[in-house]
Amino acid sequence: MARALLKFIRVSPTKSRLIAREIQGMNAEEAIAALEFTPNKAAKIISKVVASAVANSGNDAGDCVITSCRVDNGPVLKRFRPRARGMASGIRKPTAHILVEVEGN
């Protein structure tokens, strides 16, 4: 079993989990092909992490199966936006940690 971990990536973990659940249990080659045509910022990032996990395993992408794809919360960057009458409202810029584990046949 090989794994790849990408930490502190500037993408919403909630939106990334939707993509991660789709590829869990898939063949790595099929998952990379499916993610390539998914119109989502997280899809491109997860595709790179899957490719890295396959490279770490030393096997071919066709021989690997994604056993788990997990997206955890990272720290939140807190910013503010000026509002009317001298007030300010908060902006939360979430980050995520993406972990992909593959197993070769």
PDB file of N, CA and C in Angstrom:
ATOM      1  N   MET A   1       0.849  -1.183   0.000  1.00  0.00           N
ATOM      2  CA  MET A   1       0.000   0.000   0.000  1.00  0.00           C
ATOM      3  C   MET A   1       0.886   1.235   0.000  1.00  0.00           C
ATOM      4  N   ALA A   2       0.585   2.142  -0.918  1.00  0.00           N
ATOM      5  CA  ALA A   2       1.325   3.399  -1.018  1.00  0.00           C
ATOM      6  C   ALA A   2       0.350   4.547  -0.821  1.00  0.00           C
ATOM      7  N   ARG A   3       0.885   5.668  -0.354  1.00  0.00           N
ATOM      8  CA  ARG A   3       0.016   6.812  -0.112  1.00  0.00           C
ATOM      9  C   ARG A   3       0.691   8.105  -0.509  1.00  0.00           C
ATOM     10  N   ALA A   4      -0.135   9.117  -0.712  1.00  0.00           N
ATOM     11  CA  ALA A   4       0.345  10.466  -1.009  1.00  0.00           C
ATOM     12  C   ALA A   4      -0.507  11.434  -0.209  1.00  0.00           C
ATOM     13  N   LEU A   5       0.135  12.445   0.356  1.00  0.00           N
ATOM     14  CA  LEU A   5      -0.544  13.411   1.212  1.00  0.00           C
ATOM     15  C   LEU A   5      -0.205  14.812   0.741  1.00  0.00           C
ATOM     16  N   LEU A   6      -1.236  15.604   0.492  1.00  0.00           N
ATOM     17  CA  LEU A   6      -1.065  17.004   0.115  1.00  0.00           C
ATOM     18  C   LEU A   6      -1.694  17.845   1.210  1.00  0.00           C
ATOM     19  N   LYS A   7      -0.896  18.701   1.826  1.00  0.00           N
ATOM     20  CA  LYS A   7      -1.387  19.457   2.981  1.00  0.00           C
ATOM     21  C   LYS A   7      -1.490  20.945   2.664  1.00  0.00           C
ATOM     22  N   PHE A   8      -2.381  21.607   3.378  1.00  0.00           N
ATOM     23  CA  PHE A   8      -2.563  23.064   3.334  1.00  0.00           C
ATOM     24  C   PHE A   8      -2.906  23.571   1.932  1.00  0.00           C
ATOM     25  N   ILE A   9      -3.726  22.826   1.203  1.00  0.00           N
ATOM     26  CA  ILE A   9      -4.111  23.247  -0.139  1.00  0.00           C
ATOM     27  C   ILE A   9      -5.329  24.155  -0.038  1.00  0.00           C
ATOM     28  N   ARG A  10      -5.352  25.221  -0.822  1.00  0.00           N
ATOM     29  CA  ARG A  10      -6.404  26.243  -0.723  1.00  0.00           C
ATOM     30  C   ARG A  10      -7.637  25.843  -1.524  1.00  0.00           C
ATOM     31  N   VAL A  11      -8.374  24.894  -0.993  1.00  0.00           N
ATOM     32  CA  VAL A  11      -9.611  24.443  -1.620  1.00  0.00           C
ATOM     33  C   VAL A  11     -10.556  24.057  -0.497  1.00  0.00           C
ATOM     34  N   SER A  12     -11.846  24.201  -0.718  1.00  0.00           N
ATOM     35  CA  SER A  12     -12.826  23.901   0.316  1.00  0.00           C
ATOM     36  C   SER A  12     -12.911  22.394   0.562  1.00  0.00           C
ATOM     37  N   PRO A  13     -12.736  21.952   1.819  1.00  0.00           N
ATOM     38  CA  PRO A  13     -12.807  20.516   2.095  1.00  0.00           C
ATOM     39  C   PRO A  13     -14.190  19.929   1.826  1.00  0.00           C
ATOM     40  N   THR A  14     -15.234  20.703   2.050  1.00  0.00           N
ATOM     41  CA  THR A  14     -16.596  20.208   1.832  1.00  0.00           C
ATOM     42  C   THR A  14     -16.823  19.886   0.360  1.00  0.00           C
ATOM     43  N   LYS A  15     -16.379  20.767  -0.528  1.00  0.00           N
ATOM     44  CA  LYS A  15     -16.549  20.543  -1.962  1.00  0.00           C
ATOM     45  C   LYS A  15     -15.613  19.437  -2.460  1.00  0.00           C
ATOM     46  N   SER A  16     -14.444  19.323  -1.845  1.00  0.00           N
ATOM     47  CA  SER A  16     -13.479  18.309  -2.262  1.00  0.00           C
ATOM     48  C   SER A  16     -13.939  16.904  -1.900  1.00  0.00           C
ATOM     49  N   ARG A  17     -14.649  16.775  -0.786  1.00  0.00           N
ATOM     50  CA  ARG A  17     -15.115  15.454  -0.349  1.00  0.00           C
ATOM     51  C   ARG A  17     -16.083  14.837  -1.346  1.00  0.00           C
ATOM     52  N   LEU A  18     -16.859  15.668  -2.029  1.00  0.00           N
ATOM     53  CA  LEU A  18     -17.787  15.155  -3.039  1.00  0.00           C
ATOM     54  C   LEU A  18     -17.025  14.443  -4.155  1.00  0.00           C
ATOM     55  N   ILE A  19     -15.903  15.007  -4.559  1.00  0.00           N
ATOM     56  CA  ILE A  19     -15.079  14.411  -5.611  1.00  0.00           C
ATOM     57  C   ILE A  19     -14.362  13.175  -5.072  1.00  0.00           C
ATOM     58  N   ALA A  20     -13.874  13.251  -3.834  1.00  0.00           N
ATOM     59  CA  ALA A  20     -13.114  12.148  -3.245  1.00  0.00           C
ATOM     60  C   ALA A  20     -13.971  10.895  -3.091  1.00  0.00           C
ATOM     61  N   ARG A  21     -15.235  11.067  -2.760  1.00  0.00           N
ATOM     62  CA  ARG A  21     -16.130   9.908  -2.589  1.00  0.00           C
ATOM     63  C   ARG A  21     -16.386   9.199  -3.915  1.00  0.00           C
ATOM     64  N   GLU A  22     -16.380   9.946  -5.009  1.00  0.00           N
ATOM     65  CA  GLU A  22     -16.644   9.354  -6.319  1.00  0.00           C
ATOM     66  C   GLU A  22     -15.546   8.390  -6.754  1.00  0.00           C
ATOM     67  N   ILE A  23     -14.289   8.704  -6.440  1.00  0.00           N
ATOM     68  CA  ILE A  23     -13.182   7.899  -6.963  1.00  0.00           C
ATOM     69  C   ILE A  23     -12.756   6.786  -6.015  1.00  0.00           C
ATOM     70  N   GLN A  24     -13.311   6.736  -4.826  1.00  0.00           N
ATOM     71  CA  GLN A  24     -12.924   5.717  -3.867  1.00  0.00           C
ATOM     72  C   GLN A  24     -13.303   4.335  -4.392  1.00  0.00           C
ATOM     73  N   GLY A  25     -12.353   3.411  -4.394  1.00  0.00           N
ATOM     74  CA  GLY A  25     -12.600   2.064  -4.880  1.00  0.00           C
ATOM     75  C   GLY A  25     -12.403   1.894  -6.372  1.00  0.00           C
ATOM     76  N   MET A  26     -12.120   2.976  -7.078  1.00  0.00           N
ATOM     77  CA  MET A  26     -11.918   2.902  -8.534  1.00  0.00           C
ATOM     78  C   MET A  26     -10.503   2.469  -8.866  1.00  0.00           C
ATOM     79  N   ASN A  27     -10.334   2.013 -10.090  1.00  0.00           N
ATOM     80  CA  ASN A  27      -9.012   1.780 -10.642  1.00  0.00           C
ATOM     81  C   ASN A  27      -8.339   3.152 -10.802  1.00  0.00           C
ATOM     82  N   ALA A  28      -7.055   3.258 -10.507  1.00  0.00           N
ATOM     83  CA  ALA A  28      -6.372   4.552 -10.519  1.00  0.00           C
ATOM     84  C   ALA A  28      -6.365   5.187 -11.904  1.00  0.00           C
ATOM     85  N   GLU A  29      -6.203   4.377 -12.930  1.00  0.00           N
ATOM     86  CA  GLU A  29      -6.173   4.911 -14.294  1.00  0.00           C
ATOM     87  C   GLU A  29      -7.537   5.493 -14.684  1.00  0.00           C
ATOM     88  N   GLU A  30      -8.606   4.780 -14.335  1.00  0.00           N
ATOM     89  CA  GLU A  30      -9.957   5.273 -14.614  1.00  0.00           C
ATOM     90  C   GLU A  30     -10.265   6.532 -13.808  1.00  0.00           C
ATOM     91  N   ALA A  31      -9.786   6.571 -12.573  1.00  0.00           N
ATOM     92  CA  ALA A  31     -10.041   7.727 -11.709  1.00  0.00           C
ATOM     93  C   ALA A  31      -9.371   8.979 -12.265  1.00  0.00           C
ATOM     94  N   ILE A  32      -8.131   8.847 -12.719  1.00  0.00           N
ATOM     95  CA  ILE A  32      -7.414   9.998 -13.281  1.00  0.00           C
ATOM     96  C   ILE A  32      -8.123  10.482 -14.547  1.00  0.00           C
ATOM     97  N   ALA A  33      -8.599   9.540 -15.376  1.00  0.00           N
ATOM     98  CA  ALA A  33      -9.316   9.911 -16.596  1.00  0.00           C
ATOM     99  C   ALA A  33     -10.635  10.608 -16.268  1.00  0.00           C
ATOM    100  N   ALA A  34     -11.338  10.120 -15.252  1.00  0.00           N
ATOM    101  CA  ALA A  34     -12.615  10.736 -14.870  1.00  0.00           C
ATOM    102  C   ALA A  34     -12.398  12.126 -14.275  1.00  0.00           C
ATOM    103  N   LEU A  35     -11.357  12.283 -13.470  1.00  0.00           N
ATOM    104  CA  LEU A  35     -11.084  13.574 -12.834  1.00  0.00           C
ATOM    105  C   LEU A  35     -10.632  14.620 -13.845  1.00  0.00           C
ATOM    106  N   GLU A  36     -10.024  14.161 -14.928  1.00  0.00           N
ATOM    107  CA  GLU A  36      -9.532  15.089 -15.942  1.00  0.00           C
ATOM    108  C   GLU A  36     -10.682  15.875 -16.583  1.00  0.00           C
ATOM    109  N   PHE A  37     -11.862  15.241 -16.681  1.00  0.00           N
ATOM    110  CA  PHE A  37     -12.998  15.889 -17.333  1.00  0.00           C
ATOM    111  C   PHE A  37     -14.033  16.409 -16.342  1.00  0.00           C
ATOM    112  N   THR A  38     -13.700  16.410 -15.056  1.00  0.00           N
ATOM    113  CA  THR A  38     -14.608  16.953 -14.056  1.00  0.00           C
ATOM    114  C   THR A  38     -14.331  18.446 -13.917  1.00  0.00           C
ATOM    115  N   PRO A  39     -15.335  19.305 -14.139  1.00  0.00           N
ATOM    116  CA  PRO A  39     -15.100  20.754 -14.105  1.00  0.00           C
ATOM    117  C   PRO A  39     -15.108  21.291 -12.680  1.00  0.00           C
ATOM    118  N   ASN A  40     -14.046  21.022 -11.946  1.00  0.00           N
ATOM    119  CA  ASN A  40     -13.984  21.409 -10.550  1.00  0.00           C
ATOM    120  C   ASN A  40     -12.524  21.665 -10.189  1.00  0.00           C
ATOM    121  N   LYS A  41     -12.276  22.650  -9.363  1.00  0.00           N
ATOM    122  CA  LYS A  41     -10.911  22.955  -8.941  1.00  0.00           C
ATOM    123  C   LYS A  41     -10.309  21.789  -8.162  1.00  0.00           C
ATOM    124  N   ALA A  42     -11.118  21.182  -7.302  1.00  0.00           N
ATOM    125  CA  ALA A  42     -10.643  20.084  -6.463  1.00  0.00           C
ATOM    126  C   ALA A  42     -10.297  18.852  -7.290  1.00  0.00           C
ATOM    127  N   ALA A  43     -10.971  18.649  -8.415  1.00  0.00           N
ATOM    128  CA  ALA A  43     -10.735  17.470  -9.247  1.00  0.00           C
ATOM    129  C   ALA A  43      -9.316  17.460  -9.806  1.00  0.00           C
ATOM    130  N   LYS A  44      -8.846  18.607 -10.241  1.00  0.00           N
ATOM    131  CA  LYS A  44      -7.483  18.684 -10.777  1.00  0.00           C
ATOM    132  C   LYS A  44      -6.454  18.400  -9.690  1.00  0.00           C
ATOM    133  N   ILE A  45      -6.708  18.918  -8.487  1.00  0.00           N
ATOM    134  CA  ILE A  45      -5.779  18.729  -7.377  1.00  0.00           C
ATOM    135  C   ILE A  45      -5.747  17.267  -6.953  1.00  0.00           C
ATOM    136  N   ILE A  46      -6.926  16.649  -6.808  1.00  0.00           N
ATOM    137  CA  ILE A  46      -6.997  15.252  -6.386  1.00  0.00           C
ATOM    138  C   ILE A  46      -6.380  14.351  -7.444  1.00  0.00           C
ATOM    139  N   SER A  47      -6.523  14.708  -8.709  1.00  0.00           N
ATOM    140  CA  SER A  47      -5.918  13.929  -9.790  1.00  0.00           C
ATOM    141  C   SER A  47      -4.398  13.873  -9.643  1.00  0.00           C
ATOM    142  N   LYS A  48      -3.796  15.004  -9.281  1.00  0.00           N
ATOM    143  CA  LYS A  48      -2.346  15.046  -9.091  1.00  0.00           C
ATOM    144  C   LYS A  48      -1.914  14.211  -7.896  1.00  0.00           C
ATOM    145  N   VAL A  49      -2.733  14.212  -6.833  1.00  0.00           N
ATOM    146  CA  VAL A  49      -2.399  13.428  -5.643  1.00  0.00           C
ATOM    147  C   VAL A  49      -2.513  11.936  -5.947  1.00  0.00           C
ATOM    148  N   VAL A  50      -3.513  11.542  -6.730  1.00  0.00           N
ATOM    149  CA  VAL A  50      -3.662  10.138  -7.127  1.00  0.00           C
ATOM    150  C   VAL A  50      -2.452   9.708  -7.964  1.00  0.00           C
ATOM    151  N   ALA A  51      -2.032  10.555  -8.889  1.00  0.00           N
ATOM    152  CA  ALA A  51      -0.863  10.246  -9.717  1.00  0.00           C
ATOM    153  C   ALA A  51       0.389  10.108  -8.864  1.00  0.00           C
ATOM    154  N   SER A  52       0.518  10.928  -7.836  1.00  0.00           N
ATOM    155  CA  SER A  52       1.657  10.856  -6.935  1.00  0.00           C
ATOM    156  C   SER A  52       1.644   9.559  -6.123  1.00  0.00           C
ATOM    157  N   ALA A  53       0.462   9.153  -5.666  1.00  0.00           N
ATOM    158  CA  ALA A  53       0.342   7.907  -4.900  1.00  0.00           C
ATOM    159  C   ALA A  53       0.691   6.704  -5.762  1.00  0.00           C
ATOM    160  N   VAL A  54       0.275   6.734  -7.035  1.00  0.00           N
ATOM    161  CA  VAL A  54       0.607   5.647  -7.962  1.00  0.00           C
ATOM    162  C   VAL A  54       2.114   5.594  -8.180  1.00  0.00           C
ATOM    163  N   ALA A  55       2.744   6.755  -8.337  1.00  0.00           N
ATOM    164  CA  ALA A  55       4.191   6.813  -8.522  1.00  0.00           C
ATOM    165  C   ALA A  55       4.918   6.304  -7.278  1.00  0.00           C
ATOM    166  N   ASN A  56       4.382   6.604  -6.099  1.00  0.00           N
ATOM    167  CA  ASN A  56       4.991   6.125  -4.855  1.00  0.00           C
ATOM    168  C   ASN A  56       4.893   4.608  -4.721  1.00  0.00           C
ATOM    169  N   SER A  57       3.852   4.017  -5.314  1.00  0.00           N
ATOM    170  CA  SER A  57       3.678   2.568  -5.208  1.00  0.00           C
ATOM    171  C   SER A  57       4.663   1.817  -6.099  1.00  0.00           C
ATOM    172  N   GLY A  58       5.130   2.462  -7.159  1.00  0.00           N
ATOM    173  CA  GLY A  58       6.059   1.815  -8.078  1.00  0.00           C
ATOM    174  C   GLY A  58       5.369   0.957  -9.114  1.00  0.00           C
ATOM    175  N   ASN A  59       4.058   0.890  -9.085  1.00  0.00           N
ATOM    176  CA  ASN A  59       3.286   0.101 -10.052  1.00  0.00           C
ATOM    177  C   ASN A  59       2.780   0.984 -11.179  1.00  0.00           C
ATOM    178  N   ASP A  60       2.160   0.350 -12.165  1.00  0.00           N
ATOM    179  CA  ASP A  60       1.518   1.067 -13.253  1.00  0.00           C
ATOM    180  C   ASP A  60       0.139   1.529 -12.786  1.00  0.00           C
ATOM    181  N   ALA A  61      -0.379   2.603 -13.365  1.00  0.00           N
ATOM    182  CA  ALA A  61      -1.680   3.139 -12.944  1.00  0.00           C
ATOM    183  C   ALA A  61      -2.814   2.150 -13.197  1.00  0.00           C
ATOM    184  N   GLY A  62      -2.676   1.302 -14.204  1.00  0.00           N
ATOM    185  CA  GLY A  62      -3.702   0.310 -14.498  1.00  0.00           C
ATOM    186  C   GLY A  62      -3.772  -0.800 -13.469  1.00  0.00           C
ATOM    187  N   ASP A  63      -2.670  -1.001 -12.722  1.00  0.00           N
ATOM    188  CA  ASP A  63      -2.609  -2.083 -11.732  1.00  0.00           C
ATOM    189  C   ASP A  63      -3.031  -1.643 -10.340  1.00  0.00           C
ATOM    190  N   CYS A  64      -3.237  -0.350 -10.119  1.00  0.00           N
ATOM    191  CA  CYS A  64      -3.519   0.171  -8.777  1.00  0.00           C
ATOM    192  C   CYS A  64      -5.009   0.441  -8.591  1.00  0.00           C
ATOM    193  N   VAL A  65      -5.461   0.226  -7.359  1.00  0.00           N
ATOM    194  CA  VAL A  65      -6.834   0.521  -6.969  1.00  0.00           C
ATOM    195  C   VAL A  65      -6.782   1.509  -5.809  1.00  0.00           C
ATOM    196  N   ILE A  66      -7.637   2.523  -5.851  1.00  0.00           N
ATOM    197  CA  ILE A  66      -7.672   3.527  -4.781  1.00  0.00           C
ATOM    198  C   ILE A  66      -8.448   2.939  -3.604  1.00  0.00           C
ATOM    199  N   THR A  67      -7.743   2.628  -2.526  1.00  0.00           N
ATOM    200  CA  THR A  67      -8.408   2.041  -1.357  1.00  0.00           C
ATOM    201  C   THR A  67      -9.092   3.106  -0.518  1.00  0.00           C
ATOM    202  N   SER A  68      -8.463   4.266  -0.368  1.00  0.00           N
ATOM    203  CA  SER A  68      -9.130   5.349   0.356  1.00  0.00           C
ATOM    204  C   SER A  68      -8.665   6.697  -0.165  1.00  0.00           C
ATOM    205  N   CYS A  69      -9.591   7.619  -0.192  1.00  0.00           N
ATOM    206  CA  CYS A  69      -9.318   8.999  -0.575  1.00  0.00           C
ATOM    207  C   CYS A  69     -10.010   9.862   0.467  1.00  0.00           C
ATOM    208  N   ARG A  70      -9.225  10.533   1.278  1.00  0.00           N
ATOM    209  CA  ARG A  70      -9.770  11.261   2.420  1.00  0.00           C
ATOM    210  C   ARG A  70      -9.403  12.738   2.317  1.00  0.00           C
ATOM    211  N   VAL A  71     -10.362  13.598   2.659  1.00  0.00           N
ATOM    212  CA  VAL A  71     -10.123  15.041   2.677  1.00  0.00           C
ATOM    213  C   VAL A  71     -10.429  15.545   4.083  1.00  0.00           C
ATOM    214  N   ASP A  72      -9.411  16.048   4.753  1.00  0.00           N
ATOM    215  CA  ASP A  72      -9.561  16.563   6.113  1.00  0.00           C
ATOM    216  C   ASP A  72      -9.494  18.085   6.111  1.00  0.00           C
ATOM    217  N   ASN A  73     -10.035  18.672   7.162  1.00  0.00           N
ATOM    218  CA  ASN A  73      -9.979  20.130   7.309  1.00  0.00           C
ATOM    219  C   ASN A  73      -8.570  20.571   7.658  1.00  0.00           C
ATOM    220  N   GLY A  74      -8.141  21.669   7.049  1.00  0.00           N
ATOM    221  CA  GLY A  74      -6.893  22.308   7.420  1.00  0.00           C
ATOM    222  C   GLY A  74      -7.223  23.582   8.177  1.00  0.00           C
ATOM    223  N   PRO A  75      -6.232  24.381   8.470  1.00  0.00           N
ATOM    224  CA  PRO A  75      -6.504  25.645   9.141  1.00  0.00           C
ATOM    225  C   PRO A  75      -7.273  26.608   8.225  1.00  0.00           C
ATOM    226  N   VAL A  76      -8.028  27.497   8.815  1.00  0.00           N
ATOM    227  CA  VAL A  76      -8.838  28.450   8.055  1.00  0.00           C
ATOM    228  C   VAL A  76      -8.142  29.804   8.080  1.00  0.00           C
ATOM    229  N   LEU A  77      -7.929  30.382   6.891  1.00  0.00           N
ATOM    230  CA  LEU A  77      -7.360  31.724   6.799  1.00  0.00           C
ATOM    231  C   LEU A  77      -8.489  32.718   7.022  1.00  0.00           C
ATOM    232  N   LYS A  78      -8.340  33.586   8.001  1.00  0.00           N
ATOM    233  CA  LYS A  78      -9.407  34.531   8.330  1.00  0.00           C
ATOM    234  C   LYS A  78      -9.047  35.911   7.798  1.00  0.00           C
ATOM    235  N   ARG A  79      -9.929  36.435   6.978  1.00  0.00           N
ATOM    236  CA  ARG A  79      -9.761  37.759   6.389  1.00  0.00           C
ATOM    237  C   ARG A  79     -10.994  38.582   6.718  1.00  0.00           C
ATOM    238  N   PHE A  80     -10.969  39.876   6.416  1.00  0.00           N
ATOM    239  CA  PHE A  80     -12.170  40.670   6.657  1.00  0.00           C
ATOM    240  C   PHE A  80     -12.463  41.559   5.461  1.00  0.00           C
ATOM    241  N   ARG A  81     -13.723  41.891   5.323  1.00  0.00           N
ATOM    242  CA  ARG A  81     -14.179  42.772   4.260  1.00  0.00           C
ATOM    243  C   ARG A  81     -14.806  44.001   4.912  1.00  0.00           C
ATOM    244  N   PRO A  82     -14.353  45.192   4.558  1.00  0.00           N
ATOM    245  CA  PRO A  82     -14.961  46.398   5.127  1.00  0.00           C
ATOM    246  C   PRO A  82     -16.428  46.533   4.697  1.00  0.00           C
ATOM    247  N   ARG A  83     -17.249  46.966   5.633  1.00  0.00           N
ATOM    248  CA  ARG A  83     -18.672  47.150   5.360  1.00  0.00           C
ATOM    249  C   ARG A  83     -19.075  48.580   5.690  1.00  0.00           C
ATOM    250  N   ALA A  84     -20.342  48.829   5.594  1.00  0.00           N
ATOM    251  CA  ALA A  84     -20.854  50.178   5.804  1.00  0.00           C
ATOM    252  C   ALA A  84     -20.685  50.619   7.260  1.00  0.00           C
ATOM    253  N   ARG A  85     -20.567  51.914   7.461  1.00  0.00           N
ATOM    254  CA  ARG A  85     -20.497  52.562   8.775  1.00  0.00           C
ATOM    255  C   ARG A  85     -19.332  52.061   9.633  1.00  0.00           C
ATOM    256  N   GLY A  86     -18.201  51.797   8.984  1.00  0.00           N
ATOM    257  CA  GLY A  86     -16.998  51.452   9.725  1.00  0.00           C
ATOM    258  C   GLY A  86     -16.958  50.037  10.275  1.00  0.00           C
ATOM    259  N   MET A  87     -17.906  49.220   9.894  1.00  0.00           N
ATOM    260  CA  MET A  87     -17.909  47.837  10.386  1.00  0.00           C
ATOM    261  C   MET A  87     -17.090  46.947   9.455  1.00  0.00           C
ATOM    262  N   ALA A  88     -16.965  45.690   9.841  1.00  0.00           N
ATOM    263  CA  ALA A  88     -16.271  44.707   9.013  1.00  0.00           C
ATOM    264  C   ALA A  88     -16.961  43.358   9.186  1.00  0.00           C
ATOM    265  N   SER A  89     -16.982  42.585   8.116  1.00  0.00           N
ATOM    266  CA  SER A  89     -17.518  41.233   8.217  1.00  0.00           C
ATOM    267  C   SER A  89     -16.410  40.252   7.856  1.00  0.00           C
ATOM    268  N   GLY A  90     -16.486  39.061   8.404  1.00  0.00           N
ATOM    269  CA  GLY A  90     -15.421  38.085   8.220  1.00  0.00           C
ATOM    270  C   GLY A  90     -15.537  37.304   6.928  1.00  0.00           C
ATOM    271  N   ILE A  91     -14.382  36.899   6.427  1.00  0.00           N
ATOM    272  CA  ILE A  91     -14.292  36.000   5.286  1.00  0.00           C
ATOM    273  C   ILE A  91     -13.454  34.821   5.739  1.00  0.00           C
ATOM    274  N   ARG A  92     -13.951  33.605   5.519  1.00  0.00           N
ATOM    275  CA  ARG A  92     -13.213  32.398   5.887  1.00  0.00           C
ATOM    276  C   ARG A  92     -12.693  31.739   4.621  1.00  0.00           C
ATOM    277  N   LYS A  93     -11.383  31.565   4.542  1.00  0.00           N
ATOM    278  CA  LYS A  93     -10.778  30.907   3.386  1.00  0.00           C
ATOM    279  C   LYS A  93     -10.252  29.553   3.857  1.00  0.00           C
ATOM    280  N   PRO A  94     -11.016  28.479   3.637  1.00  0.00           N
ATOM    281  CA  PRO A  94     -10.638  27.181   4.178  1.00  0.00           C
ATOM    282  C   PRO A  94      -9.491  26.529   3.407  1.00  0.00           C
ATOM    283  N   THR A  95      -8.737  25.687   4.107  1.00  0.00           N
ATOM    284  CA  THR A  95      -7.708  24.870   3.476  1.00  0.00           C
ATOM    285  C   THR A  95      -8.022  23.408   3.777  1.00  0.00           C
ATOM    286  N   ALA A  96      -7.373  22.509   3.041  1.00  0.00           N
ATOM    287  CA  ALA A  96      -7.663  21.086   3.184  1.00  0.00           C
ATOM    288  C   ALA A  96      -6.368  20.268   3.126  1.00  0.00           C
ATOM    289  N   HIS A  97      -6.436  19.082   3.736  1.00  0.00           N
ATOM    290  CA  HIS A  97      -5.382  18.070   3.632  1.00  0.00           C
ATOM    291  C   HIS A  97      -5.982  16.892   2.874  1.00  0.00           C
ATOM    292  N   ILE A  98      -5.342  16.490   1.776  1.00  0.00           N
ATOM    293  CA  ILE A  98      -5.871  15.403   0.940  1.00  0.00           C
ATOM    294  C   ILE A  98      -4.936  14.201   1.033  1.00  0.00           C
ATOM    295  N   LEU A  99      -5.503  13.041   1.420  1.00  0.00           N
ATOM    296  CA  LEU A  99      -4.744  11.805   1.563  1.00  0.00           C
ATOM    297  C   LEU A  99      -5.324  10.758   0.622  1.00  0.00           C
ATOM    298  N   VAL A 100      -4.474  10.166  -0.212  1.00  0.00           N
ATOM    299  CA  VAL A 100      -4.891   9.117  -1.131  1.00  0.00           C
ATOM    300  C   VAL A 100      -4.024   7.888  -0.895  1.00  0.00           C
ATOM    301  N   GLU A 101      -4.679   6.731  -0.714  1.00  0.00           N
ATOM    302  CA  GLU A 101      -3.972   5.466  -0.540  1.00  0.00           C
ATOM    303  C   GLU A 101      -4.333   4.541  -1.695  1.00  0.00           C
ATOM    304  N   VAL A 102      -3.320   3.965  -2.318  1.00  0.00           N
ATOM    305  CA  VAL A 102      -3.539   3.012  -3.415  1.00  0.00           C
ATOM    306  C   VAL A 102      -2.903   1.685  -3.064  1.00  0.00           C
ATOM    307  N   GLU A 103      -3.443   0.630  -3.660  1.00  0.00           N
ATOM    308  CA  GLU A 103      -2.896  -0.701  -3.460  1.00  0.00           C
ATOM    309  C   GLU A 103      -2.728  -1.352  -4.820  1.00  0.00           C
ATOM    310  N   GLY A 104      -1.549  -1.889  -5.060  1.00  0.00           N
ATOM    311  CA  GLY A 104      -1.268  -2.538  -6.339  1.00  0.00           C
ATOM    312  C   GLY A 104      -1.707  -3.980  -6.321  1.00  0.00           C
ATOM    313  N   ASN A 105      -2.088  -4.487  -7.504  1.00  0.00           N
ATOM    314  CA  ASN A 105      -2.518  -5.887  -7.593  1.00  0.00           C
ATOM    315  C   ASN A 105      -1.342  -6.814  -7.759  1.00  0.00           C
TER     316      ASN A 105
END
